[in-house]
Amino acid sequence: MKKKAQAPAAPSGNPDPNTLQLHKDPAQTDAAQIAAMALGSVAANAMTARTFAKGTFGALDVTECVMTLKKRVDATHGGDLKHAETTLTAQAATLDAIFNEMARRAALNMGEYLDATERYMRLALKAQGQCRATLETLAAIKNPPVIFAKQANIAHGPQQINNKTTTRNTSTRARKTETLQNELLEDSGHGSTHMDAGATTTPARGHPAVEAMESVHRPRKPRRKSGGSA
């Protein structure tokens, strides 16, 4: 009796889904490669995401989680933002569902349990605010804002800018101010072109009311006789 040939067993891949398998890099030592993976952002975030997803999807292969996240990071570095847009769109839909559920529960408690109504409404409005912020971020990715710059000084290495125009304008303003002050000190109405506090001026006859007064003759006060001793 002939035995049936058995099909070869399919490769099981990683024998331990909880052990991270690294591809050997000839340019690095094992210790350096492990340290780079541990201190990097990809492996750490993959471990965190795997822990949170365990309740929904069960135990995931840690190596596959790291490799999947690494591919998404490389795509983002290459300018492909499809995954980011997909994530934001899906999260906005989830936040909208949370808002509706919390708002529904607030409506059910309204009229009888005001404290529960207020708590559910606060959660609903928080979900609504996060949904709005998520959609704004998605819109900014799809249509980046345009920034208009009046002046951009770009140079390689040290750069020095001399604003000589500003200096000349400042000097001109200073000279103009000084000239105006000098003109205010000049008075040519009475034959004088410059104001001199020490000069003697001739009284004008145009205003008799303010003419100089004449001398007044007053009797001399008699001198007191000093009493002398006999």
N, C-alpha and C. Protein backbone atom coordinates (compact mmCIF):
# COMPACT_ATOMS: atom_id res chain seq x y z
N MET A 1 0.85 -1.17 0.00
CA MET A 1 0.00 0.00 0.00
C MET A 1 0.89 1.22 0.00
N LYS A 2 0.64 2.04 -0.97
CA LYS A 2 1.45 3.23 -1.11
C LYS A 2 0.94 4.35 -0.19
N LYS A 3 1.88 5.06 0.41
CA LYS A 3 1.53 6.21 1.25
C LYS A 3 1.42 7.46 0.39
N LYS A 4 0.44 8.27 0.72
CA LYS A 4 0.26 9.54 0.00
C LYS A 4 1.36 10.53 0.39
N ALA A 5 1.83 11.21 -0.61
CA ALA A 5 2.86 12.22 -0.33
C ALA A 5 2.25 13.40 0.40
N GLN A 6 2.86 13.81 1.48
CA GLN A 6 2.36 14.94 2.26
C GLN A 6 2.92 16.24 1.71
N ALA A 7 2.09 17.24 1.68
CA ALA A 7 2.52 18.57 1.21
C ALA A 7 3.45 19.21 2.22
N PRO A 8 4.45 19.92 1.74
CA PRO A 8 5.37 20.56 2.68
C PRO A 8 4.65 21.61 3.53
N ALA A 9 5.03 21.70 4.76
CA ALA A 9 4.39 22.66 5.66
C ALA A 9 4.75 24.08 5.25
N ALA A 10 3.76 24.93 5.35
CA ALA A 10 3.98 26.34 4.99
C ALA A 10 4.88 26.99 6.02
N PRO A 11 5.73 27.91 5.60
CA PRO A 11 6.61 28.58 6.57
C PRO A 11 5.79 29.37 7.58
N SER A 12 6.12 29.17 8.82
CA SER A 12 5.37 29.83 9.89
C SER A 12 5.81 31.26 10.15
N GLY A 13 6.87 31.74 9.47
CA GLY A 13 7.34 33.11 9.69
C GLY A 13 8.07 33.22 11.00
N ASN A 14 7.72 34.28 11.78
CA ASN A 14 8.36 34.49 13.06
C ASN A 14 7.87 33.45 14.06
N PRO A 15 8.76 32.65 14.62
CA PRO A 15 8.31 31.62 15.57
C PRO A 15 7.72 32.22 16.84
N ASP A 16 8.17 33.39 17.26
CA ASP A 16 7.66 34.02 18.47
C ASP A 16 7.13 35.41 18.10
N PRO A 17 5.78 35.60 18.12
CA PRO A 17 5.24 36.91 17.73
C PRO A 17 5.58 38.02 18.71
N ASN A 18 6.04 37.68 19.90
CA ASN A 18 6.39 38.69 20.89
C ASN A 18 7.87 39.09 20.85
N THR A 19 8.63 38.50 19.93
CA THR A 19 10.05 38.80 19.80
C THR A 19 10.29 39.57 18.51
N LEU A 20 10.98 40.67 18.62
CA LEU A 20 11.27 41.50 17.45
C LEU A 20 12.48 40.93 16.71
N GLN A 21 12.29 40.62 15.45
CA GLN A 21 13.36 40.08 14.62
C GLN A 21 13.99 41.24 13.82
N LEU A 22 15.30 41.36 13.94
CA LEU A 22 16.02 42.42 13.24
C LEU A 22 16.82 41.82 12.08
N HIS A 23 16.86 42.57 10.98
CA HIS A 23 17.70 42.18 9.86
C HIS A 23 19.12 42.67 10.12
N LYS A 24 20.06 41.77 10.01
CA LYS A 24 21.44 42.08 10.33
C LYS A 24 21.98 43.14 9.39
N ASP A 25 22.57 44.21 9.99
CA ASP A 25 23.22 45.27 9.22
C ASP A 25 24.72 45.11 9.37
N PRO A 26 25.44 44.79 8.27
CA PRO A 26 26.89 44.56 8.40
C PRO A 26 27.65 45.80 8.86
N ALA A 27 27.11 46.97 8.64
CA ALA A 27 27.82 48.20 9.01
C ALA A 27 27.71 48.51 10.50
N GLN A 28 26.85 47.81 11.24
CA GLN A 28 26.66 48.07 12.66
C GLN A 28 26.84 46.78 13.46
N THR A 29 27.23 46.98 14.69
CA THR A 29 27.29 45.84 15.60
C THR A 29 25.89 45.51 16.09
N ASP A 30 25.74 44.34 16.66
CA ASP A 30 24.43 43.93 17.16
C ASP A 30 23.93 44.88 18.26
N ALA A 31 24.85 45.27 19.15
CA ALA A 31 24.46 46.16 20.25
C ALA A 31 24.03 47.53 19.71
N ALA A 32 24.75 48.06 18.71
CA ALA A 32 24.41 49.37 18.15
C ALA A 32 23.09 49.31 17.40
N GLN A 33 22.84 48.22 16.70
CA GLN A 33 21.59 48.09 15.95
C GLN A 33 20.39 47.96 16.89
N ILE A 34 20.56 47.23 17.98
CA ILE A 34 19.48 47.10 18.96
C ILE A 34 19.21 48.44 19.64
N ALA A 35 20.28 49.17 19.98
CA ALA A 35 20.11 50.48 20.63
C ALA A 35 19.41 51.46 19.70
N ALA A 36 19.79 51.46 18.41
CA ALA A 36 19.15 52.36 17.46
C ALA A 36 17.68 52.04 17.29
N MET A 37 17.32 50.77 17.30
CA MET A 37 15.93 50.37 17.18
C MET A 37 15.13 50.73 18.44
N ALA A 38 15.76 50.55 19.60
CA ALA A 38 15.06 50.84 20.86
C ALA A 38 14.85 52.33 21.07
N LEU A 39 15.82 53.13 20.68
CA LEU A 39 15.71 54.58 20.87
C LEU A 39 15.02 55.29 19.71
N GLY A 40 14.70 54.57 18.65
CA GLY A 40 14.02 55.17 17.53
C GLY A 40 12.53 55.34 17.81
N SER A 41 11.87 56.10 16.94
CA SER A 41 10.44 56.37 17.13
C SER A 41 9.57 55.28 16.56
N VAL A 42 10.01 54.59 15.54
CA VAL A 42 9.16 53.62 14.85
C VAL A 42 8.85 52.43 15.76
N ALA A 43 9.89 51.80 16.32
CA ALA A 43 9.68 50.61 17.14
C ALA A 43 8.89 50.92 18.39
N ALA A 44 9.18 52.06 19.04
CA ALA A 44 8.48 52.40 20.28
C ALA A 44 7.00 52.64 20.03
N ASN A 45 6.68 53.37 18.97
CA ASN A 45 5.27 53.63 18.67
C ASN A 45 4.55 52.37 18.18
N ALA A 46 5.28 51.51 17.48
CA ALA A 46 4.68 50.25 17.05
C ALA A 46 4.32 49.39 18.26
N MET A 47 5.19 49.36 19.26
CA MET A 47 4.89 48.61 20.48
C MET A 47 3.67 49.18 21.19
N THR A 48 3.59 50.51 21.27
CA THR A 48 2.44 51.13 21.95
C THR A 48 1.15 50.85 21.20
N ALA A 49 1.17 51.00 19.88
CA ALA A 49 -0.02 50.73 19.08
C ALA A 49 -0.44 49.27 19.19
N ARG A 50 0.53 48.37 19.24
CA ARG A 50 0.23 46.93 19.37
C ARG A 50 -0.45 46.64 20.71
N THR A 51 0.00 47.32 21.76
CA THR A 51 -0.61 47.09 23.07
C THR A 51 -2.06 47.55 23.11
N PHE A 52 -2.34 48.72 22.53
CA PHE A 52 -3.69 49.24 22.54
C PHE A 52 -4.61 48.45 21.60
N ALA A 53 -4.05 47.92 20.52
CA ALA A 53 -4.87 47.16 19.57
C ALA A 53 -5.13 45.72 20.02
N LYS A 54 -4.48 45.29 21.10
CA LYS A 54 -4.62 43.89 21.53
C LYS A 54 -6.05 43.58 21.96
N GLY A 55 -6.73 44.53 22.57
CA GLY A 55 -8.09 44.29 23.02
C GLY A 55 -9.06 44.07 21.87
N THR A 56 -8.77 44.62 20.71
CA THR A 56 -9.67 44.49 19.56
C THR A 56 -9.23 43.40 18.61
N PHE A 57 -7.92 43.35 18.32
CA PHE A 57 -7.43 42.43 17.31
C PHE A 57 -6.64 41.26 17.88
N GLY A 58 -6.47 41.20 19.17
CA GLY A 58 -5.67 40.13 19.76
C GLY A 58 -4.19 40.44 19.69
N ALA A 59 -3.36 39.45 19.99
CA ALA A 59 -1.91 39.63 19.98
C ALA A 59 -1.41 39.71 18.54
N LEU A 60 -0.77 40.80 18.21
CA LEU A 60 -0.22 40.99 16.86
C LEU A 60 1.26 40.69 16.86
N ASP A 61 1.76 40.33 15.71
CA ASP A 61 3.18 40.05 15.56
C ASP A 61 3.95 41.37 15.66
N VAL A 62 4.85 41.43 16.62
CA VAL A 62 5.56 42.67 16.87
C VAL A 62 6.46 43.06 15.69
N THR A 63 7.07 42.07 15.05
CA THR A 63 7.93 42.38 13.90
C THR A 63 7.12 42.94 12.75
N GLU A 64 5.94 42.37 12.49
CA GLU A 64 5.10 42.88 11.41
C GLU A 64 4.58 44.27 11.72
N CYS A 65 4.29 44.55 12.99
CA CYS A 65 3.84 45.90 13.36
C CYS A 65 4.93 46.93 13.08
N VAL A 66 6.17 46.60 13.44
CA VAL A 66 7.28 47.52 13.21
C VAL A 66 7.51 47.73 11.72
N MET A 67 7.48 46.67 10.94
CA MET A 67 7.72 46.79 9.50
C MET A 67 6.61 47.57 8.81
N THR A 68 5.36 47.37 9.24
CA THR A 68 4.24 48.11 8.65
C THR A 68 4.35 49.60 8.93
N LEU A 69 4.67 49.93 10.18
CA LEU A 69 4.82 51.34 10.52
C LEU A 69 6.02 51.95 9.81
N LYS A 70 7.08 51.17 9.63
CA LYS A 70 8.27 51.67 8.93
C LYS A 70 7.93 52.00 7.47
N LYS A 71 7.10 51.21 6.83
CA LYS A 71 6.72 51.49 5.45
C LYS A 71 5.89 52.79 5.36
N ARG A 72 5.02 53.01 6.35
CA ARG A 72 4.22 54.24 6.33
C ARG A 72 5.10 55.47 6.54
N VAL A 73 6.09 55.34 7.41
CA VAL A 73 7.01 56.47 7.65
C VAL A 73 7.81 56.77 6.39
N ASP A 74 8.29 55.74 5.73
CA ASP A 74 9.04 55.95 4.48
C ASP A 74 8.16 56.60 3.41
N ALA A 75 6.89 56.22 3.34
CA ALA A 75 5.98 56.83 2.37
C ALA A 75 5.77 58.31 2.68
N THR A 76 5.67 58.65 3.97
CA THR A 76 5.51 60.06 4.35
C THR A 76 6.75 60.86 4.01
N HIS A 77 7.93 60.28 4.23
CA HIS A 77 9.17 60.96 3.86
C HIS A 77 9.25 61.19 2.35
N GLY A 78 8.67 60.31 1.59
CA GLY A 78 8.66 60.47 0.14
C GLY A 78 7.61 61.43 -0.38
N GLY A 79 6.80 61.99 0.50
CA GLY A 79 5.79 62.96 0.09
C GLY A 79 4.41 62.37 -0.10
N ASP A 80 4.23 61.10 0.19
CA ASP A 80 2.93 60.45 0.04
C ASP A 80 2.16 60.59 1.36
N LEU A 81 1.11 61.41 1.37
CA LEU A 81 0.34 61.67 2.57
C LEU A 81 -1.03 60.99 2.53
N LYS A 82 -1.17 59.98 1.71
CA LYS A 82 -2.47 59.30 1.60
C LYS A 82 -2.86 58.65 2.93
N HIS A 83 -1.89 58.04 3.61
CA HIS A 83 -2.23 57.39 4.87
C HIS A 83 -2.65 58.42 5.91
N ALA A 84 -1.97 59.57 5.96
CA ALA A 84 -2.35 60.62 6.91
C ALA A 84 -3.75 61.14 6.62
N GLU A 85 -4.06 61.33 5.35
CA GLU A 85 -5.40 61.79 4.99
C GLU A 85 -6.45 60.73 5.35
N THR A 86 -6.12 59.46 5.12
CA THR A 86 -7.05 58.39 5.48
C THR A 86 -7.29 58.34 6.98
N THR A 87 -6.22 58.48 7.76
CA THR A 87 -6.35 58.44 9.22
C THR A 87 -7.20 59.59 9.73
N LEU A 88 -6.95 60.78 9.24
CA LEU A 88 -7.71 61.94 9.71
C LEU A 88 -9.18 61.84 9.32
N THR A 89 -9.44 61.37 8.12
CA THR A 89 -10.83 61.21 7.68
C THR A 89 -11.57 60.19 8.54
N ALA A 90 -10.92 59.05 8.82
CA ALA A 90 -11.54 58.01 9.64
C ALA A 90 -11.74 58.49 11.07
N GLN A 91 -10.75 59.22 11.62
CA GLN A 91 -10.88 59.71 12.99
C GLN A 91 -11.98 60.76 13.09
N ALA A 92 -12.14 61.58 12.09
CA ALA A 92 -13.22 62.57 12.10
C ALA A 92 -14.58 61.88 12.14
N ALA A 93 -14.71 60.80 11.39
CA ALA A 93 -15.97 60.05 11.41
C ALA A 93 -16.22 59.42 12.78
N THR A 94 -15.16 58.90 13.42
CA THR A 94 -15.31 58.32 14.75
C THR A 94 -15.68 59.37 15.78
N LEU A 95 -15.04 60.52 15.72
CA LEU A 95 -15.35 61.61 16.66
C LEU A 95 -16.78 62.10 16.46
N ASP A 96 -17.23 62.12 15.24
CA ASP A 96 -18.61 62.52 14.98
C ASP A 96 -19.59 61.51 15.60
N ALA A 97 -19.25 60.22 15.54
CA ALA A 97 -20.10 59.20 16.15
C ALA A 97 -20.13 59.35 17.67
N ILE A 98 -18.97 59.68 18.27
CA ILE A 98 -18.93 59.91 19.71
C ILE A 98 -19.78 61.11 20.09
N PHE A 99 -19.70 62.17 19.29
CA PHE A 99 -20.51 63.36 19.57
C PHE A 99 -22.01 63.03 19.56
N ASN A 100 -22.44 62.29 18.57
CA ASN A 100 -23.86 61.97 18.48
C ASN A 100 -24.31 61.08 19.63
N GLU A 101 -23.48 60.12 20.04
CA GLU A 101 -23.86 59.23 21.15
C GLU A 101 -23.94 60.00 22.46
N MET A 102 -22.96 60.86 22.73
CA MET A 102 -22.98 61.64 23.96
C MET A 102 -24.14 62.63 23.97
N ALA A 103 -24.43 63.24 22.83
CA ALA A 103 -25.56 64.16 22.75
C ALA A 103 -26.88 63.41 22.95
N ARG A 104 -26.98 62.18 22.44
CA ARG A 104 -28.21 61.39 22.63
C ARG A 104 -28.42 61.06 24.10
N ARG A 105 -27.34 60.69 24.79
CA ARG A 105 -27.47 60.37 26.21
C ARG A 105 -27.81 61.61 27.03
N ALA A 106 -27.25 62.75 26.64
CA ALA A 106 -27.59 63.99 27.34
C ALA A 106 -29.07 64.31 27.17
N ALA A 107 -29.61 64.07 26.00
CA ALA A 107 -31.02 64.34 25.76
C ALA A 107 -31.91 63.39 26.57
N LEU A 108 -31.48 62.14 26.76
CA LEU A 108 -32.28 61.19 27.53
C LEU A 108 -32.33 61.55 29.01
N ASN A 109 -31.29 62.17 29.53
CA ASN A 109 -31.26 62.53 30.95
C ASN A 109 -31.79 63.93 31.22
N MET A 110 -32.08 64.67 30.19
CA MET A 110 -32.52 66.04 30.36
C MET A 110 -33.91 66.07 31.01
N GLY A 111 -34.06 66.96 31.99
CA GLY A 111 -35.34 67.11 32.68
C GLY A 111 -35.39 66.38 34.00
N GLU A 112 -34.62 65.29 34.15
CA GLU A 112 -34.63 64.53 35.40
C GLU A 112 -33.27 64.54 36.09
N TYR A 113 -32.23 64.25 35.35
CA TYR A 113 -30.88 64.17 35.91
C TYR A 113 -30.01 65.24 35.23
N LEU A 114 -30.06 66.44 35.79
CA LEU A 114 -29.34 67.56 35.16
C LEU A 114 -27.83 67.38 35.24
N ASP A 115 -27.34 66.76 36.32
CA ASP A 115 -25.89 66.56 36.44
C ASP A 115 -25.38 65.62 35.34
N ALA A 116 -26.08 64.52 35.11
CA ALA A 116 -25.69 63.60 34.04
C ALA A 116 -25.85 64.25 32.68
N THR A 117 -26.88 65.08 32.53
CA THR A 117 -27.07 65.77 31.26
C THR A 117 -25.90 66.69 30.96
N GLU A 118 -25.44 67.43 31.98
CA GLU A 118 -24.32 68.35 31.78
C GLU A 118 -23.04 67.59 31.45
N ARG A 119 -22.78 66.48 32.11
CA ARG A 119 -21.56 65.71 31.85
C ARG A 119 -21.56 65.12 30.43
N TYR A 120 -22.68 64.56 30.05
CA TYR A 120 -22.74 64.01 28.69
C TYR A 120 -22.62 65.11 27.63
N MET A 121 -23.21 66.27 27.91
CA MET A 121 -23.13 67.36 26.93
C MET A 121 -21.71 67.89 26.80
N ARG A 122 -20.98 67.94 27.92
CA ARG A 122 -19.58 68.37 27.85
C ARG A 122 -18.75 67.39 27.02
N LEU A 123 -18.97 66.11 27.22
CA LEU A 123 -18.25 65.12 26.42
C LEU A 123 -18.62 65.24 24.94
N ALA A 124 -19.89 65.51 24.68
CA ALA A 124 -20.32 65.67 23.29
C ALA A 124 -19.65 66.86 22.63
N LEU A 125 -19.58 67.99 23.35
CA LEU A 125 -18.97 69.19 22.78
C LEU A 125 -17.46 69.03 22.63
N LYS A 126 -16.81 68.27 23.54
CA LYS A 126 -15.38 68.00 23.37
C LYS A 126 -15.14 67.17 22.12
N ALA A 127 -15.96 66.16 21.90
CA ALA A 127 -15.81 65.35 20.69
C ALA A 127 -16.07 66.19 19.44
N GLN A 128 -17.03 67.09 19.53
CA GLN A 128 -17.32 67.95 18.38
C GLN A 128 -16.15 68.88 18.08
N GLY A 129 -15.51 69.42 19.14
CA GLY A 129 -14.35 70.30 18.93
C GLY A 129 -13.17 69.54 18.34
N GLN A 130 -12.94 68.31 18.79
CA GLN A 130 -11.85 67.52 18.23
C GLN A 130 -12.14 67.13 16.78
N CYS A 131 -13.39 66.87 16.48
CA CYS A 131 -13.75 66.55 15.10
C CYS A 131 -13.50 67.74 14.19
N ARG A 132 -13.86 68.94 14.67
CA ARG A 132 -13.62 70.14 13.87
C ARG A 132 -12.12 70.38 13.66
N ALA A 133 -11.31 70.21 14.73
CA ALA A 133 -9.86 70.40 14.60
C ALA A 133 -9.25 69.37 13.64
N THR A 134 -9.77 68.14 13.67
CA THR A 134 -9.27 67.11 12.76
C THR A 134 -9.57 67.46 11.31
N LEU A 135 -10.77 67.94 11.05
CA LEU A 135 -11.13 68.33 9.68
C LEU A 135 -10.34 69.55 9.22
N GLU A 136 -10.04 70.47 10.13
CA GLU A 136 -9.21 71.63 9.77
C GLU A 136 -7.79 71.19 9.41
N THR A 137 -7.25 70.25 10.15
CA THR A 137 -5.93 69.72 9.82
C THR A 137 -5.93 69.02 8.47
N LEU A 138 -6.97 68.27 8.21
CA LEU A 138 -7.09 67.59 6.91
C LEU A 138 -7.19 68.61 5.78
N ALA A 139 -7.95 69.68 5.99
CA ALA A 139 -8.06 70.71 4.96
C ALA A 139 -6.73 71.42 4.73
N ALA A 140 -5.94 71.61 5.82
CA ALA A 140 -4.63 72.25 5.66
C ALA A 140 -3.66 71.36 4.89
N ILE A 141 -3.79 70.04 5.04
CA ILE A 141 -2.94 69.13 4.28
C ILE A 141 -3.31 69.14 2.80
N LYS A 142 -4.61 69.14 2.54
CA LYS A 142 -5.07 69.13 1.15
C LYS A 142 -4.82 70.46 0.45
N ASN A 143 -5.02 71.57 1.17
CA ASN A 143 -4.82 72.90 0.60
C ASN A 143 -3.96 73.72 1.55
N PRO A 144 -2.64 73.62 1.44
CA PRO A 144 -1.76 74.37 2.34
C PRO A 144 -1.98 75.86 2.19
N PRO A 145 -1.91 76.62 3.29
CA PRO A 145 -2.07 78.08 3.20
C PRO A 145 -0.89 78.72 2.50
N VAL A 146 -1.16 79.80 1.77
CA VAL A 146 -0.13 80.53 1.05
C VAL A 146 0.32 81.70 1.90
N ILE A 147 1.64 81.83 2.07
CA ILE A 147 2.22 82.90 2.88
C ILE A 147 2.93 83.88 1.96
N PHE A 148 2.55 85.15 2.04
CA PHE A 148 3.17 86.20 1.25
C PHE A 148 4.17 86.94 2.12
N ALA A 149 5.43 86.95 1.71
CA ALA A 149 6.49 87.64 2.44
C ALA A 149 6.89 88.90 1.68
N LYS A 150 6.97 90.02 2.40
CA LYS A 150 7.35 91.28 1.76
C LYS A 150 8.82 91.29 1.38
N GLN A 151 9.67 90.72 2.22
CA GLN A 151 11.11 90.74 1.96
C GLN A 151 11.71 89.46 2.52
N ALA A 152 12.58 88.86 1.77
CA ALA A 152 13.27 87.65 2.22
C ALA A 152 14.74 87.78 1.87
N ASN A 153 15.59 87.82 2.88
CA ASN A 153 17.03 87.90 2.70
C ASN A 153 17.62 86.50 2.89
N ILE A 154 18.06 85.90 1.82
CA ILE A 154 18.57 84.54 1.85
C ILE A 154 20.02 84.56 1.41
N ALA A 155 20.89 83.99 2.20
CA ALA A 155 22.31 83.95 1.85
C ALA A 155 22.93 82.74 2.51
N HIS A 156 23.98 82.25 1.94
CA HIS A 156 24.71 81.12 2.49
C HIS A 156 25.89 81.66 3.31
N GLY A 157 25.88 81.37 4.59
CA GLY A 157 26.95 81.85 5.45
C GLY A 157 26.54 83.14 6.14
N PRO A 158 27.52 83.84 6.78
CA PRO A 158 27.19 85.09 7.50
C PRO A 158 26.66 86.14 6.55
N GLN A 159 25.77 86.95 7.05
CA GLN A 159 25.15 87.99 6.23
C GLN A 159 25.05 89.27 7.05
N GLN A 160 25.37 90.40 6.44
CA GLN A 160 25.30 91.69 7.10
C GLN A 160 24.45 92.62 6.25
N ILE A 161 23.50 93.28 6.87
CA ILE A 161 22.61 94.21 6.18
C ILE A 161 22.83 95.59 6.76
N ASN A 162 23.21 96.55 5.91
CA ASN A 162 23.41 97.93 6.31
C ASN A 162 22.24 98.76 5.80
N ASN A 163 21.41 99.22 6.70
CA ASN A 163 20.27 100.04 6.32
C ASN A 163 20.70 101.51 6.30
N LYS A 164 21.43 101.88 5.21
CA LYS A 164 21.91 103.25 5.11
C LYS A 164 20.76 104.23 4.86
N THR A 165 19.72 103.77 4.18
CA THR A 165 18.60 104.65 3.89
C THR A 165 17.96 105.13 5.18
N THR A 166 17.84 104.23 6.14
CA THR A 166 17.23 104.61 7.41
C THR A 166 18.09 105.62 8.14
N THR A 167 19.42 105.47 8.05
CA THR A 167 20.31 106.42 8.72
C THR A 167 20.21 107.80 8.11
N ARG A 168 20.18 107.85 6.76
CA ARG A 168 20.09 109.16 6.10
C ARG A 168 18.76 109.82 6.42
N ASN A 169 17.70 109.07 6.46
CA ASN A 169 16.40 109.64 6.77
C ASN A 169 16.38 110.19 8.19
N THR A 170 17.03 109.50 9.12
CA THR A 170 17.07 109.96 10.50
C THR A 170 17.86 111.25 10.61
N SER A 171 19.00 111.32 9.90
CA SER A 171 19.80 112.54 9.93
C SER A 171 19.03 113.70 9.33
N THR A 172 18.31 113.44 8.25
CA THR A 172 17.53 114.50 7.61
C THR A 172 16.46 115.02 8.55
N ARG A 173 15.78 114.10 9.26
CA ARG A 173 14.76 114.53 10.19
C ARG A 173 15.38 115.37 11.31
N ALA A 174 16.57 114.97 11.78
CA ALA A 174 17.22 115.72 12.86
C ALA A 174 17.57 117.13 12.40
N ARG A 175 18.09 117.25 11.14
CA ARG A 175 18.43 118.58 10.63
C ARG A 175 17.19 119.45 10.46
N LYS A 176 16.11 118.84 9.99
CA LYS A 176 14.87 119.60 9.81
C LYS A 176 14.34 120.09 11.15
N THR A 177 14.40 119.24 12.17
CA THR A 177 13.92 119.64 13.49
C THR A 177 14.76 120.77 14.06
N GLU A 178 16.09 120.67 13.86
CA GLU A 178 16.98 121.72 14.36
C GLU A 178 16.71 123.03 13.64
N THR A 179 16.46 122.96 12.33
CA THR A 179 16.18 124.17 11.56
C THR A 179 14.90 124.83 12.03
N LEU A 180 13.86 124.03 12.27
CA LEU A 180 12.60 124.58 12.74
C LEU A 180 12.76 125.24 14.10
N GLN A 181 13.56 124.63 14.98
CA GLN A 181 13.78 125.25 16.28
C GLN A 181 14.52 126.57 16.15
N ASN A 182 15.51 126.63 15.25
CA ASN A 182 16.23 127.89 15.06
C ASN A 182 15.33 128.97 14.48
N GLU A 183 14.43 128.56 13.58
CA GLU A 183 13.52 129.54 13.00
C GLU A 183 12.56 130.08 14.04
N LEU A 184 12.17 129.27 15.00
CA LEU A 184 11.29 129.74 16.05
C LEU A 184 11.99 130.73 16.97
N LEU A 185 13.31 130.61 17.10
CA LEU A 185 14.05 131.53 17.96
C LEU A 185 14.32 132.87 17.28
N GLU A 186 14.20 132.92 15.93
CA GLU A 186 14.44 134.15 15.20
C GLU A 186 13.22 135.05 15.26
N ASP A 187 13.44 136.34 15.38
CA ASP A 187 12.35 137.31 15.44
C ASP A 187 12.83 138.56 14.71
N SER A 188 12.27 138.82 13.55
CA SER A 188 12.67 139.98 12.76
C SER A 188 11.65 141.10 12.84
N GLY A 189 10.70 141.01 13.80
CA GLY A 189 9.67 142.06 13.90
C GLY A 189 10.19 143.37 14.41
N HIS A 190 11.25 143.34 15.20
CA HIS A 190 11.77 144.58 15.81
C HIS A 190 13.20 144.85 15.35
N GLY A 191 13.50 144.45 14.17
CA GLY A 191 14.82 144.73 13.63
C GLY A 191 15.90 143.79 14.07
N SER A 192 15.56 142.72 14.76
CA SER A 192 16.55 141.76 15.23
C SER A 192 16.32 140.43 14.52
N THR A 193 17.40 139.83 14.08
CA THR A 193 17.28 138.58 13.34
C THR A 193 17.53 137.37 14.21
N HIS A 194 18.13 137.57 15.38
CA HIS A 194 18.40 136.47 16.28
C HIS A 194 18.02 136.87 17.69
N MET A 195 17.63 135.91 18.44
CA MET A 195 17.24 136.17 19.82
C MET A 195 18.47 136.17 20.70
N ASP A 196 18.67 137.29 21.42
CA ASP A 196 19.84 137.42 22.29
C ASP A 196 19.33 137.89 23.64
N ALA A 197 19.48 137.02 24.63
CA ALA A 197 18.95 137.37 25.95
C ALA A 197 19.76 138.46 26.61
N GLY A 198 21.02 138.65 26.24
CA GLY A 198 21.85 139.66 26.88
C GLY A 198 21.85 141.01 26.19
N ALA A 199 21.24 141.14 25.01
CA ALA A 199 21.25 142.40 24.28
C ALA A 199 20.18 143.34 24.81
N THR A 200 20.44 144.67 24.66
CA THR A 200 19.50 145.70 25.10
C THR A 200 18.69 146.16 23.90
N THR A 201 17.37 146.12 24.02
CA THR A 201 16.51 146.51 22.91
C THR A 201 15.85 147.84 23.20
N THR A 202 15.52 148.55 22.12
CA THR A 202 14.87 149.86 22.24
C THR A 202 13.38 149.68 22.39
N PRO A 203 12.76 150.32 23.37
CA PRO A 203 11.31 150.16 23.53
C PRO A 203 10.58 150.64 22.28
N ALA A 204 9.60 149.95 21.90
CA ALA A 204 8.80 150.33 20.73
C ALA A 204 7.72 151.29 21.14
N ARG A 205 7.39 152.22 20.21
CA ARG A 205 6.37 153.23 20.47
C ARG A 205 4.98 152.80 20.03
N GLY A 206 4.87 151.65 19.53
CA GLY A 206 3.57 151.19 19.05
C GLY A 206 2.59 150.88 20.16
N HIS A 207 3.08 150.66 21.36
CA HIS A 207 2.21 150.31 22.49
C HIS A 207 2.57 151.21 23.66
N PRO A 208 1.93 152.38 23.75
CA PRO A 208 2.26 153.30 24.85
C PRO A 208 1.98 152.71 26.22
N ALA A 209 1.06 151.80 26.26
CA ALA A 209 0.68 151.28 27.57
C ALA A 209 1.80 150.50 28.23
N VAL A 210 2.74 150.08 27.45
CA VAL A 210 3.83 149.29 28.02
C VAL A 210 5.16 150.00 27.89
N GLU A 211 5.13 151.38 27.78
CA GLU A 211 6.37 152.13 27.69
C GLU A 211 7.08 152.15 29.03
N ALA A 212 8.35 152.49 28.98
CA ALA A 212 9.13 152.58 30.21
C ALA A 212 8.65 153.74 31.05
N MET A 213 8.60 153.59 32.33
CA MET A 213 8.14 154.65 33.24
C MET A 213 9.25 155.65 33.49
N GLU A 214 8.84 156.93 33.65
CA GLU A 214 9.82 157.97 33.96
C GLU A 214 10.22 157.88 35.42
N SER A 215 11.26 158.57 35.71
CA SER A 215 11.76 158.56 37.09
C SER A 215 10.82 159.34 37.99
N VAL A 216 10.66 158.91 39.18
CA VAL A 216 9.77 159.55 40.16
C VAL A 216 10.64 160.23 41.21
N HIS A 217 10.31 161.56 41.47
CA HIS A 217 11.07 162.34 42.47
C HIS A 217 10.41 162.17 43.81
N ARG A 218 11.06 161.57 44.66
CA ARG A 218 10.57 161.36 46.01
C ARG A 218 11.49 162.06 47.00
N PRO A 219 10.91 162.55 48.10
CA PRO A 219 11.77 163.19 49.12
C PRO A 219 12.65 162.15 49.78
N ARG A 220 13.77 162.62 50.06
CA ARG A 220 14.70 161.72 50.72
C ARG A 220 14.29 161.49 52.17
N LYS A 221 14.44 160.32 52.61
CA LYS A 221 14.12 160.00 53.99
C LYS A 221 15.21 160.55 54.89
N PRO A 222 14.79 161.26 55.97
CA PRO A 222 15.82 161.78 56.88
C PRO A 222 16.54 160.64 57.57
N ARG A 223 17.77 160.86 57.74
CA ARG A 223 18.57 159.87 58.44
C ARG A 223 18.33 159.93 59.92
N ARG A 224 18.26 158.78 60.51
CA ARG A 224 18.08 158.72 61.94
C ARG A 224 19.34 159.16 62.66
N LYS A 225 19.09 159.99 63.64
CA LYS A 225 20.23 160.42 64.46
C LYS A 225 20.53 159.36 65.49
N SER A 226 21.70 158.97 65.45
CA SER A 226 22.11 157.96 66.42
C SER A 226 22.35 158.64 67.77
N GLY A 227 21.76 158.08 68.77
CA GLY A 227 21.96 158.68 70.11
C GLY A 227 23.34 158.37 70.64
N GLY A 228 24.08 159.40 70.91
CA GLY A 228 25.42 159.20 71.44
C GLY A 228 25.48 159.41 72.94
N SER A 229 26.43 158.91 73.51
CA SER A 229 26.59 159.08 74.99
C SER A 229 27.30 160.36 75.25
N ALA A 230 26.93 161.12 76.31
CA ALA A 230 27.54 162.39 76.69
C ALA A 230 28.94 162.20 77.18
